[in-house]
Amino acid sequence: MAYYGSAYEFPGCASGLQFLGCTEEIVCEHDKHTFCREGTDEAYEVQATTCEPPGFVQCEPPGSRSATRAGR
């Protein structure tokens, strides 16, 4: 299962969908969540799955309501 997410603004982020990693196929809910790369300021909105990409943890969007995704 491949994971893609749209980056929230952080130093060095790129706009558009970014490849975040792969896992074996697993069953997850279809929804969008914010995941942060462990040990960094990187945060991504991942759509279509509630499963965590490898090396990421579910987190609150940066700045919560005022967060801006790159390229939007």
Protein backbone atom coordinates (compact mmCIF):
# COMPACT_ATOMS: atom_id res chain seq x y z
CA MET A 1 0.00 0.00 0.00
CA ALA A 2 1.48 3.34 -1.05
CA TYR A 3 0.99 6.49 1.03
CA TYR A 4 0.80 9.98 -0.45
CA GLY A 5 0.19 13.26 1.33
CA SER A 6 0.03 17.01 0.78
CA ALA A 7 2.62 18.85 2.84
CA TYR A 8 1.71 21.57 5.28
CA GLU A 9 4.15 24.46 5.09
CA PHE A 10 7.52 23.75 6.69
CA PRO A 11 11.08 24.65 5.64
CA GLY A 12 11.98 22.79 2.44
CA CYS A 13 8.50 21.43 1.72
CA ALA A 14 7.34 20.75 -1.82
CA SER A 15 3.84 21.41 -3.14
CA GLY A 16 1.56 18.69 -4.47
CA LEU A 17 1.27 15.07 -3.44
CA GLN A 18 4.42 13.56 -1.96
CA PHE A 19 5.24 9.86 -1.70
CA LEU A 20 5.53 9.00 2.01
CA GLY A 21 6.23 5.27 1.93
CA CYS A 22 4.78 1.78 1.48
CA THR A 23 3.49 -1.04 3.65
CA GLU A 24 1.85 -4.37 2.99
CA GLU A 25 -1.83 -4.02 2.10
CA ILE A 26 -3.86 -3.46 5.29
CA VAL A 27 -7.47 -2.53 5.99
CA CYS A 28 -7.98 1.08 7.05
CA GLU A 29 -10.85 3.53 7.13
CA HIS A 30 -11.18 5.89 4.17
CA ASP A 31 -10.77 9.36 5.59
CA LYS A 32 -8.10 12.06 5.77
CA HIS A 33 -5.75 12.65 8.69
CA THR A 34 -2.62 14.60 9.48
CA PHE A 35 0.58 12.64 10.04
CA CYS A 36 3.94 14.02 11.18
CA ARG A 37 7.31 12.50 10.36
CA GLU A 38 8.81 11.48 13.68
CA GLY A 39 11.62 13.77 14.88
CA THR A 40 10.95 16.52 12.30
CA ASP A 41 8.67 19.50 11.64
CA GLU A 42 7.21 17.73 8.57
CA ALA A 43 3.41 17.38 8.55
CA TYR A 44 1.25 15.96 5.77
CA GLU A 45 -2.46 15.61 5.14
CA VAL A 46 -2.92 12.02 4.01
CA GLN A 47 -6.19 11.32 2.20
CA ALA A 48 -8.05 8.07 1.59
CA THR A 49 -6.61 6.24 4.60
CA THR A 50 -6.37 6.50 8.36
CA CYS A 51 -3.37 4.15 8.49
CA GLU A 52 -0.01 5.62 9.49
CA PRO A 53 2.70 5.72 6.83
CA PRO A 54 5.95 4.11 8.09
CA GLY A 55 7.96 6.56 10.24
CA PHE A 56 4.96 8.85 10.83
CA VAL A 57 2.58 9.41 13.74
CA GLN A 58 -0.89 10.91 13.70
CA CYS A 59 -0.79 14.53 14.87
CA GLU A 60 -2.73 17.78 14.88
CA PRO A 61 -2.30 19.98 11.80
CA PRO A 62 0.32 22.69 12.42
CA GLY A 63 -1.47 25.77 13.78
CA SER A 64 -4.70 23.70 13.75
CA ARG A 65 -7.35 25.83 12.03
CA SER A 66 -4.85 28.29 10.54
CA ALA A 67 -2.61 25.62 8.97
CA THR A 68 -1.88 26.04 5.29
CA ARG A 69 -0.93 23.24 2.92
CA ALA A 70 1.84 24.01 0.44
CA GLY A 71 0.61 24.94 -2.99
CA ARG A 72 -2.85 26.02 -1.86
